[in-house]
Amino acid sequence: MSVPIPFSDPPWLMGLPSPYFNKSHRKWQAAIRPFIKEHLLDHAIEWDKAEFVPEHVFADFGRANMIIPSLPAPLPVEWLKRLGIHELLGGLKVEHFDYLHALIYADEMARTGLMGPTGSLTTGTAFGIPPILKFGSRQLQEKILPDLLTSRKRCCIAVTEPDAGSDVAGITTTATKSACGKFYVVNGAKKWITNGIWCDYATMAVRTGPPGSGAAGLSMLVVPLKNHPGVRMRRLRVGGQPSAGTTFIELDEVRVPAENLLGEEGQGMRYAMTNFNHERLAVAVGVTRQARVALAAAFEYVLRREAFGKPLVEQPVVRHRLAKAGALLESQWAWAELFAFQMTRLSKDDADRELGGMTGLLKAQAGMVLRECADTAMLLFGGNGFTKSGQGELIEMIYREVPGARIPGGSEDVLLDLAVRQLVKLYKTKTKAIDARSKL
């Protein structure tokens, strides 16, 4: 039995007490770590270098019901039980899955240190299926959810365009109702779509309103992708996460059944926003684990690496860098734990209202923490950390993924501004409510 490297796991897994995690959470973590290690962690670097995760891996995770935990909590229990899925690994009943279980899952899946292999498996399900569960008609759900929830088919979220990223209201891809009313005809392009190249469907933000209608003209449509007439897809090569299947999608007169509309026309922005807490918490947890992997690797390296006649860890400047990065890391993790706990205690509506701004801040700060930890690891590894092979290769790979944590899912500056605007809005709303009550 070996002593764990400092910072290599969250405090609750290093033997320290926690107010959040109970026996169910500990049993869940113990059950999923060996599975993830065998089926993902042991091969992650190899697959990311190849820029491709073999198709059987998604199937392996699907058979073990290990894609399902990427969905928001609570899980769609009625649907899962209809499909014969009553328990997850370790005997966790689907109705008992909460956001602390979700946090543990996201953290364990990111122990690869690389978001590409993990993202190739979970991003589409985590972001693409929830709007269908919340707003899809019963007819649409019956048609596609059985295959999606059992991982026989795949779905992604397609919002970003060549000229519209964090500014979702600037989307120009159009969906026009056909004369017969049975179809939407979709034209446009989507860019930087994670998992898109492998997906059968995209939950897509489209413009059903006139040009210039902004957010009010947006709708959500489930668009068939693979082998569907008018759809062309190609892989995009990006600086980090190369195995996540980042895709450019072109849509030319694509006919989509009218029943694939989610909810009502013009409500697309609102529908997309209902999954933001889940999306950004999942990203923040994964990115924080990446920071942990980088910092723990650096700590282990300086314990054994010698320079100027003694181990690097005996140099005050080295200890200072570790301390500064470690303080940021553990502060960020404590916030993520608190955030997940709050989401287990708040209703969906209350969580959307109270945490909507702060989840953007949580995600943005995760990127800042990763930047500090990756930078620390790179400097402490020296030339080894700048080399695409050998003992520092993982550090070099993580370092390239820092922009992928700070830009997608709402870029850092946009989310920082959004957080404050949402807090101001919430403050004014509550102030008006108090004033109204005082006048009664």
Protein backbone atom coordinates (compact mmCIF):
# COMPACT_ATOMS: atom_id res chain seq x y z
CA MET A 1 0.00 0.00 0.00
CA SER A 2 1.47 3.35 -1.05
CA VAL A 3 0.92 6.85 0.31
CA PRO A 4 -0.94 9.03 -2.20
CA ILE A 5 0.85 11.98 -3.76
CA PRO A 6 -0.34 15.32 -2.33
CA PHE A 7 -3.15 16.88 -4.41
CA SER A 8 -3.69 13.60 -6.31
CA ASP A 9 -7.28 13.19 -5.11
CA PRO A 10 -9.95 15.40 -3.53
CA PRO A 11 -9.69 15.64 0.27
CA TRP A 12 -12.68 13.34 0.83
CA LEU A 13 -10.81 10.57 -1.02
CA MET A 14 -7.59 11.26 0.91
CA GLY A 15 -9.16 10.17 4.21
CA LEU A 16 -10.44 13.54 5.39
CA PRO A 17 -14.02 14.04 6.64
CA SER A 18 -16.66 15.59 4.39
CA PRO A 19 -20.12 17.00 5.16
CA TYR A 20 -21.42 16.02 1.73
CA PHE A 21 -20.65 12.42 0.83
CA ASN A 22 -22.50 9.45 2.36
CA LYS A 23 -22.10 5.68 2.03
CA SER A 24 -23.93 5.67 -1.29
CA HIS A 25 -21.50 8.19 -2.78
CA ARG A 26 -18.45 6.31 -1.48
CA LYS A 27 -19.76 2.99 -2.80
CA TRP A 28 -20.43 4.61 -6.20
CA GLN A 29 -16.91 6.02 -6.42
CA ALA A 30 -15.35 2.69 -5.45
CA ALA A 31 -17.44 0.87 -8.08
CA ILE A 32 -16.76 3.13 -11.05
CA ARG A 33 -13.03 3.86 -10.62
CA PRO A 34 -11.82 0.35 -11.65
CA PHE A 35 -14.19 0.26 -14.63
CA ILE A 36 -13.08 3.68 -15.88
CA LYS A 37 -9.42 2.79 -15.37
CA GLU A 38 -9.72 -0.41 -17.40
CA HIS A 39 -11.89 0.92 -20.21
CA LEU A 40 -10.61 4.50 -20.52
CA LEU A 41 -7.75 5.67 -18.30
CA ASP A 42 -5.27 2.96 -19.32
CA HIS A 43 -5.61 3.86 -23.01
CA ALA A 44 -6.36 7.59 -22.93
CA ILE A 45 -2.97 8.92 -24.03
CA GLU A 46 -2.73 6.38 -26.85
CA TRP A 47 -6.21 7.22 -28.14
CA ASP A 48 -5.75 10.97 -27.85
CA LYS A 49 -2.52 10.79 -29.83
CA ALA A 50 -4.36 8.77 -32.48
CA GLU A 51 -7.11 11.45 -32.39
CA PHE A 52 -9.72 8.71 -32.20
CA VAL A 53 -11.41 6.65 -29.50
CA PRO A 54 -12.32 3.21 -30.91
CA GLU A 55 -16.03 2.71 -31.53
CA HIS A 56 -16.21 -0.28 -29.21
CA VAL A 57 -15.44 1.94 -26.21
CA PHE A 58 -18.74 3.79 -26.45
CA ALA A 59 -20.48 0.43 -26.77
CA ASP A 60 -18.58 -0.95 -23.76
CA PHE A 61 -19.63 2.03 -21.65
CA GLY A 62 -23.17 1.78 -22.97
CA ARG A 63 -23.54 -1.88 -22.05
CA ALA A 64 -22.43 -1.05 -18.51
CA ASN A 65 -24.89 1.90 -18.38
CA MET A 66 -21.88 4.15 -17.86
CA ILE A 67 -22.98 6.85 -20.30
CA ILE A 68 -26.23 7.46 -18.40
CA PRO A 69 -24.53 9.21 -15.42
CA SER A 70 -23.55 12.08 -17.73
CA LEU A 71 -27.24 13.09 -17.80
CA PRO A 72 -28.55 15.68 -15.32
CA ALA A 73 -29.76 14.54 -11.92
CA PRO A 74 -32.35 13.36 -11.19
CA LEU A 75 -32.13 10.80 -13.98
CA PRO A 76 -35.13 10.08 -16.25
CA VAL A 77 -36.21 7.23 -14.00
CA GLU A 78 -39.45 6.40 -15.78
CA TRP A 79 -37.72 6.06 -19.12
CA LEU A 80 -34.79 4.07 -17.73
CA LYS A 81 -37.00 1.56 -15.96
CA ARG A 82 -39.11 1.14 -19.09
CA LEU A 83 -35.88 0.17 -20.83
CA GLY A 84 -34.96 -2.31 -18.10
CA ILE A 85 -32.33 -0.09 -16.47
CA HIS A 86 -32.96 -0.14 -12.74
CA GLU A 87 -29.43 0.13 -11.33
CA LEU A 88 -26.03 1.57 -12.20
CA LEU A 89 -22.65 0.11 -11.26
CA GLY A 90 -22.28 -0.79 -7.62
CA GLY A 91 -26.00 -1.36 -7.24
CA LEU A 92 -26.90 2.35 -7.25
CA LYS A 93 -30.63 2.59 -7.98
CA VAL A 94 -31.35 5.07 -10.74
CA GLU A 95 -33.87 6.91 -8.56
CA HIS A 96 -31.16 7.54 -5.91
CA PHE A 97 -28.69 9.20 -8.29
CA ASP A 98 -28.10 12.83 -7.26
CA TYR A 99 -25.75 15.65 -8.22
CA LEU A 100 -23.05 14.45 -5.83
CA HIS A 101 -23.04 11.11 -7.67
CA ALA A 102 -22.85 13.15 -10.89
CA LEU A 103 -19.91 15.16 -9.55
CA ILE A 104 -18.07 11.94 -8.63
CA TYR A 105 -18.70 10.52 -12.10
CA ALA A 106 -17.43 13.65 -13.87
CA ASP A 107 -14.36 13.74 -11.62
CA GLU A 108 -13.52 10.06 -12.13
CA MET A 109 -14.00 10.26 -15.91
CA ALA A 110 -11.52 13.15 -16.04
CA ARG A 111 -8.75 11.24 -14.21
CA THR A 112 -7.26 10.63 -17.65
CA GLY A 113 -6.10 14.25 -17.43
CA LEU A 114 -7.35 14.67 -21.00
CA MET A 115 -10.80 15.91 -21.96
CA GLY A 116 -10.71 14.40 -25.45
CA PRO A 117 -11.23 10.71 -24.63
CA THR A 118 -13.79 11.52 -21.93
CA GLY A 119 -15.56 14.12 -24.08
CA SER A 120 -15.82 11.68 -26.97
CA LEU A 121 -18.01 9.47 -24.80
CA THR A 122 -20.10 11.83 -22.70
CA THR A 123 -20.48 15.31 -24.18
CA GLY A 124 -23.22 14.48 -26.67
CA THR A 125 -25.34 12.66 -24.11
CA ALA A 126 -24.79 15.25 -21.37
CA PHE A 127 -25.72 18.21 -23.55
CA GLY A 128 -27.78 16.84 -26.45
CA ILE A 129 -30.31 14.54 -24.78
CA PRO A 130 -31.59 16.70 -21.85
CA PRO A 131 -33.55 19.15 -24.06
CA ILE A 132 -35.28 16.18 -25.71
CA LEU A 133 -36.21 14.79 -22.30
CA LYS A 134 -37.53 18.15 -21.11
CA PHE A 135 -39.24 19.55 -24.20
CA GLY A 136 -39.63 16.82 -26.82
CA SER A 137 -43.13 15.64 -27.68
CA ARG A 138 -44.13 12.16 -26.57
CA GLN A 139 -44.10 11.09 -30.23
CA LEU A 140 -40.53 12.30 -30.72
CA GLN A 141 -39.35 10.78 -27.46
CA GLU A 142 -40.85 7.40 -28.29
CA LYS A 143 -39.08 7.48 -31.63
CA ILE A 144 -35.54 8.29 -30.53
CA LEU A 145 -35.04 8.06 -26.75
CA PRO A 146 -34.95 4.24 -26.46
CA ASP A 147 -31.92 4.09 -28.77
CA LEU A 148 -30.24 7.14 -27.23
CA LEU A 149 -30.64 6.10 -23.59
CA THR A 150 -29.30 2.60 -24.31
CA SER A 151 -26.35 4.00 -26.31
CA ARG A 152 -27.37 2.27 -29.53
CA LYS A 153 -27.41 5.70 -31.17
CA ARG A 154 -25.75 9.00 -30.37
CA CYS A 155 -26.80 12.64 -30.10
CA CYS A 156 -24.88 15.91 -29.85
CA ILE A 157 -25.71 19.54 -29.13
CA ALA A 158 -25.21 21.87 -32.10
CA VAL A 159 -25.39 25.55 -31.22
CA THR A 160 -22.09 27.19 -32.22
CA GLU A 161 -21.63 28.49 -35.76
CA PRO A 162 -18.69 29.98 -37.68
CA ASP A 163 -19.90 33.47 -36.73
CA ALA A 164 -21.87 32.76 -33.54
CA GLY A 165 -20.26 31.23 -30.47
CA SER A 166 -20.94 32.63 -27.02
CA ASP A 167 -23.33 35.09 -28.71
CA VAL A 168 -26.07 32.52 -29.21
CA ALA A 169 -28.56 35.18 -30.31
CA GLY A 170 -26.42 35.70 -33.42
CA ILE A 171 -27.24 32.27 -34.89
CA THR A 172 -28.07 32.38 -38.60
CA THR A 173 -28.84 28.73 -39.45
CA THR A 174 -32.46 28.82 -40.61
CA ALA A 175 -35.32 26.34 -40.30
CA THR A 176 -38.23 27.24 -42.59
CA LYS A 177 -41.55 25.42 -42.49
CA SER A 178 -42.41 23.67 -45.75
CA ALA A 179 -45.57 24.62 -47.65
CA CYS A 180 -47.22 21.35 -46.59
CA GLY A 181 -46.32 21.99 -42.96
CA LYS A 182 -44.83 18.52 -42.49
CA PHE A 183 -41.15 19.55 -42.54
CA TYR A 184 -38.65 22.18 -41.57
CA VAL A 185 -36.06 22.91 -44.24
CA VAL A 186 -32.73 23.68 -42.57
CA ASN A 187 -29.88 25.65 -44.15
CA GLY A 188 -26.65 26.83 -42.58
CA ALA A 189 -23.58 25.53 -40.78
CA LYS A 190 -22.51 24.48 -37.32
CA LYS A 191 -18.88 24.53 -36.18
CA TRP A 192 -16.83 23.08 -33.30
CA ILE A 193 -19.53 20.50 -32.57
CA THR A 194 -18.13 17.93 -30.14
CA ASN A 195 -18.98 14.31 -31.09
CA GLY A 196 -20.85 15.47 -34.20
CA ILE A 197 -19.05 13.21 -36.65
CA TRP A 198 -20.34 10.09 -34.85
CA CYS A 199 -23.87 11.23 -34.10
CA ASP A 200 -27.20 10.13 -35.48
CA TYR A 201 -28.94 13.29 -34.25
CA ALA A 202 -28.13 16.84 -33.25
CA THR A 203 -30.22 18.89 -30.86
CA MET A 204 -29.76 22.04 -32.87
CA ALA A 205 -30.40 25.72 -32.30
CA VAL A 206 -31.98 27.19 -35.44
CA ARG A 207 -33.58 30.45 -36.47
CA THR A 208 -37.31 30.10 -37.16
CA GLY A 209 -37.94 33.81 -36.75
CA PRO A 210 -37.02 36.55 -39.24
CA PRO A 211 -33.47 37.90 -39.56
CA GLY A 212 -32.66 40.31 -36.77
CA SER A 213 -35.14 38.72 -34.36
CA GLY A 214 -32.32 37.82 -31.98
CA ALA A 215 -32.97 35.34 -29.20
CA ALA A 216 -36.73 35.60 -29.72
CA GLY A 217 -36.40 33.99 -33.15
CA LEU A 218 -34.52 30.89 -32.00
CA SER A 219 -35.95 27.38 -31.74
CA MET A 220 -34.59 23.92 -30.95
CA LEU A 221 -34.88 21.16 -33.52
CA VAL A 222 -33.67 17.55 -33.48
CA VAL A 223 -31.89 17.19 -36.82
CA PRO A 224 -30.88 13.77 -38.23
CA LEU A 225 -27.18 13.72 -39.15
CA LYS A 226 -25.49 10.50 -40.29
CA ASN A 227 -26.39 9.60 -43.88
CA HIS A 228 -29.23 12.13 -43.95
CA PRO A 229 -29.74 13.96 -47.29
CA GLY A 230 -28.23 17.44 -47.34
CA VAL A 231 -25.99 16.91 -44.29
CA ARG A 232 -22.22 16.99 -44.76
CA MET A 233 -19.82 16.55 -41.86
CA ARG A 234 -16.06 16.69 -41.54
CA ARG A 235 -13.63 16.50 -38.64
CA LEU A 236 -11.94 19.67 -37.43
CA ARG A 237 -8.39 19.46 -36.13
CA VAL A 238 -8.07 21.53 -32.96
CA GLY A 239 -5.18 22.28 -30.62
CA GLY A 240 -6.50 20.22 -27.70
CA GLN A 241 -9.00 17.41 -27.17
CA PRO A 242 -8.20 15.93 -30.63
CA SER A 243 -10.06 12.67 -29.93
CA ALA A 244 -13.37 14.35 -29.00
CA GLY A 245 -14.65 14.37 -32.58
CA THR A 246 -14.88 18.13 -33.13
CA THR A 247 -16.97 18.56 -36.28
CA PHE A 248 -18.01 21.06 -38.95
CA ILE A 249 -21.60 20.43 -40.10
CA GLU A 250 -23.03 21.85 -43.33
CA LEU A 251 -26.79 21.81 -43.85
CA ASP A 252 -28.15 22.27 -47.36
CA GLU A 253 -31.94 22.04 -47.77
CA VAL A 254 -32.12 19.44 -45.00
CA ARG A 255 -35.70 18.25 -44.50
CA VAL A 256 -36.56 17.56 -40.87
CA PRO A 257 -39.96 16.24 -39.71
CA ALA A 258 -42.02 19.00 -38.08
CA GLU A 259 -42.55 16.81 -35.01
CA ASN A 260 -38.80 17.09 -34.32
CA LEU A 261 -39.37 20.62 -33.02
CA LEU A 262 -38.74 20.81 -29.29
CA GLY A 263 -41.57 22.61 -27.51
CA GLU A 264 -42.63 25.82 -29.21
CA GLU A 265 -41.05 28.02 -31.85
CA GLY A 266 -39.18 31.00 -30.48
CA GLN A 267 -38.34 29.34 -27.15
CA GLY A 268 -34.97 27.91 -28.16
CA MET A 269 -32.86 30.24 -26.04
CA ARG A 270 -34.91 29.50 -22.94
CA TYR A 271 -34.71 25.76 -23.58
CA ALA A 272 -30.95 25.86 -24.02
CA MET A 273 -30.51 27.83 -20.80
CA THR A 274 -32.30 25.19 -18.71
CA ASN A 275 -29.32 22.84 -19.10
CA PHE A 276 -26.59 25.43 -18.45
CA ASN A 277 -26.16 24.59 -14.74
CA HIS A 278 -25.63 20.94 -15.60
CA GLU A 279 -23.34 21.63 -18.55
CA ARG A 280 -21.13 24.12 -16.76
CA LEU A 281 -20.89 22.13 -13.53
CA ALA A 282 -19.85 19.03 -15.50
CA VAL A 283 -17.21 21.02 -17.40
CA ALA A 284 -15.95 22.73 -14.24
CA VAL A 285 -15.55 19.42 -12.39
CA GLY A 286 -13.71 17.80 -15.30
CA VAL A 287 -11.41 20.78 -15.79
CA THR A 288 -10.65 20.92 -12.06
CA ARG A 289 -9.64 17.25 -12.17
CA GLN A 290 -7.37 18.04 -15.13
CA ALA A 291 -5.69 20.68 -12.95
CA ARG A 292 -5.35 18.08 -10.19
CA VAL A 293 -3.71 15.57 -12.54
CA ALA A 294 -1.21 18.17 -13.71
CA LEU A 295 -0.34 19.42 -10.23
CA ALA A 296 -0.05 15.95 -8.67
CA ALA A 297 2.23 14.86 -11.52
CA ALA A 298 4.41 17.91 -10.90
CA PHE A 299 4.51 17.19 -7.17
CA GLU A 300 5.59 13.60 -7.77
CA TYR A 301 8.24 14.76 -10.26
CA VAL A 302 9.89 17.31 -7.95
CA LEU A 303 10.07 14.74 -5.14
CA ARG A 304 12.43 12.58 -7.20
CA ARG A 305 14.04 14.98 -9.68
CA GLU A 306 17.38 16.37 -8.50
CA ALA A 307 19.07 19.59 -9.52
CA PHE A 308 21.95 21.50 -7.93
CA GLY A 309 22.67 18.46 -5.76
CA LYS A 310 19.28 18.03 -4.09
CA PRO A 311 15.63 17.17 -4.94
CA LEU A 312 13.74 19.99 -6.60
CA VAL A 313 11.18 20.03 -3.79
CA GLU A 314 13.86 21.37 -1.46
CA GLN A 315 14.04 24.56 -3.51
CA PRO A 316 11.85 27.29 -1.90
CA VAL A 317 10.74 28.64 -5.29
CA VAL A 318 9.45 25.18 -6.25
CA ARG A 319 7.49 24.85 -3.02
CA HIS A 320 6.05 28.33 -3.55
CA ARG A 321 4.74 27.39 -7.00
CA LEU A 322 3.18 24.17 -5.68
CA ALA A 323 1.57 26.01 -2.77
CA LYS A 324 0.09 28.76 -4.90
CA ALA A 325 -1.38 26.35 -7.45
CA GLY A 326 -2.55 23.94 -4.73
CA ALA A 327 -4.44 26.64 -2.85
CA LEU A 328 -6.30 27.62 -6.02
CA LEU A 329 -7.02 23.98 -6.86
CA GLU A 330 -8.48 22.99 -3.50
CA SER A 331 -10.49 26.21 -3.24
CA GLN A 332 -12.01 25.52 -6.65
CA TRP A 333 -12.79 21.92 -5.72
CA ALA A 334 -14.45 22.96 -2.46
CA TRP A 335 -16.67 25.34 -4.45
CA ALA A 336 -17.57 22.60 -6.94
CA GLU A 337 -18.55 20.27 -4.08
CA LEU A 338 -20.68 23.00 -2.52
CA PHE A 339 -22.28 23.73 -5.87
CA ALA A 340 -23.21 20.08 -6.40
CA PHE A 341 -24.60 19.87 -2.87
CA GLN A 342 -26.73 22.96 -3.46
CA MET A 343 -28.14 21.39 -6.60
CA THR A 344 -29.20 18.33 -4.59
CA ARG A 345 -31.13 20.56 -2.21
CA LEU A 346 -32.71 23.09 -4.59
CA SER A 347 -35.58 22.46 -6.96
CA LYS A 348 -34.78 22.74 -10.66
CA ASP A 349 -36.46 26.16 -10.91
CA ASP A 350 -34.77 27.48 -7.78
CA ALA A 351 -31.36 26.20 -8.91
CA ASP A 352 -31.76 27.82 -12.34
CA ARG A 353 -32.67 31.12 -10.71
CA GLU A 354 -30.23 31.18 -7.80
CA LEU A 355 -27.21 29.50 -9.40
CA GLY A 356 -27.53 30.52 -13.05
CA GLY A 357 -24.94 33.26 -12.80
CA MET A 358 -22.64 31.50 -10.38
CA THR A 359 -22.39 28.37 -12.52
CA GLY A 360 -20.87 30.54 -15.25
CA LEU A 361 -18.39 31.86 -12.71
CA LEU A 362 -17.60 28.34 -11.52
CA LYS A 363 -16.85 27.20 -15.06
CA ALA A 364 -14.79 30.31 -15.87
CA GLN A 365 -12.67 29.98 -12.73
CA ALA A 366 -12.03 26.29 -13.44
CA GLY A 367 -10.24 27.38 -16.60
CA MET A 368 -8.16 29.89 -14.65
CA VAL A 369 -7.16 27.24 -12.12
CA LEU A 370 -6.23 24.81 -14.88
CA ARG A 371 -4.08 27.49 -16.49
CA GLU A 372 -2.18 28.03 -13.21
CA CYS A 373 -1.72 24.31 -12.49
CA ALA A 374 -0.73 23.44 -16.06
CA ASP A 375 1.71 26.34 -16.14
CA THR A 376 3.19 25.23 -12.82
CA ALA A 377 3.57 21.66 -14.03
CA MET A 378 5.14 22.75 -17.31
CA LEU A 379 7.72 24.92 -15.56
CA LEU A 380 8.57 22.31 -12.92
CA PHE A 381 8.92 19.53 -15.49
CA GLY A 382 11.15 21.82 -17.53
CA GLY A 383 12.16 20.40 -20.90
CA ASN A 384 10.40 17.12 -20.12
CA GLY A 385 7.09 18.96 -19.90
CA PHE A 386 7.65 20.50 -23.30
CA THR A 387 8.29 17.16 -24.99
CA LYS A 388 5.62 15.09 -26.76
CA SER A 389 6.97 11.81 -25.42
CA GLY A 390 8.52 10.41 -22.29
CA GLN A 391 7.81 11.23 -18.68
CA GLY A 392 6.34 14.67 -19.34
CA GLU A 393 4.13 13.90 -22.33
CA LEU A 394 0.87 14.13 -20.35
CA ILE A 395 1.82 17.59 -19.07
CA GLU A 396 2.48 18.77 -22.63
CA MET A 397 -0.93 17.42 -23.68
CA ILE A 398 -2.78 19.02 -20.75
CA TYR A 399 -1.03 22.33 -21.39
CA ARG A 400 -2.44 22.39 -24.93
CA GLU A 401 -5.94 21.81 -23.55
CA VAL A 402 -6.05 24.97 -21.43
CA PRO A 403 -7.75 27.06 -24.18
CA GLY A 404 -10.30 24.27 -24.59
CA ALA A 405 -11.31 24.84 -20.98
CA ARG A 406 -11.48 28.62 -21.28
CA ILE A 407 -13.32 29.04 -24.60
CA PRO A 408 -15.98 26.37 -25.31
CA GLY A 409 -19.20 26.27 -23.28
CA GLY A 410 -19.22 30.05 -22.98
CA SER A 411 -15.89 31.81 -23.20
CA GLU A 412 -14.23 33.02 -20.01
CA ASP A 413 -14.80 36.75 -20.44
CA VAL A 414 -18.42 36.27 -21.51
CA LEU A 415 -19.16 34.08 -18.49
CA LEU A 416 -17.48 36.48 -16.06
CA ASP A 417 -19.66 39.29 -17.36
CA LEU A 418 -22.74 37.07 -17.41
CA ALA A 419 -22.25 36.08 -13.78
CA VAL A 420 -22.26 39.66 -12.53
CA ARG A 421 -25.19 40.65 -14.76
CA GLN A 422 -27.20 37.70 -13.45
CA LEU A 423 -26.36 38.56 -9.85
CA VAL A 424 -27.45 42.18 -10.40
CA LYS A 425 -30.67 40.99 -12.04
CA LEU A 426 -31.42 38.60 -9.18
CA TYR A 427 -30.69 41.31 -6.61
CA LYS A 428 -33.05 43.76 -8.30
CA THR A 429 -35.79 41.15 -8.63
CA LYS A 430 -35.61 40.25 -4.94
CA THR A 431 -35.49 43.93 -3.93
CA LYS A 432 -38.63 44.69 -5.94
CA ALA A 433 -40.40 41.71 -4.37
CA ILE A 434 -39.55 42.94 -0.85
CA ASP A 435 -40.72 46.47 -1.73
CA ALA A 436 -43.98 45.09 -3.15
CA ARG A 437 -44.66 43.07 -0.01
CA SER A 438 -43.89 46.02 2.27
CA LYS A 439 -46.60 48.08 0.51
CA LEU A 440 -49.32 45.50 1.13
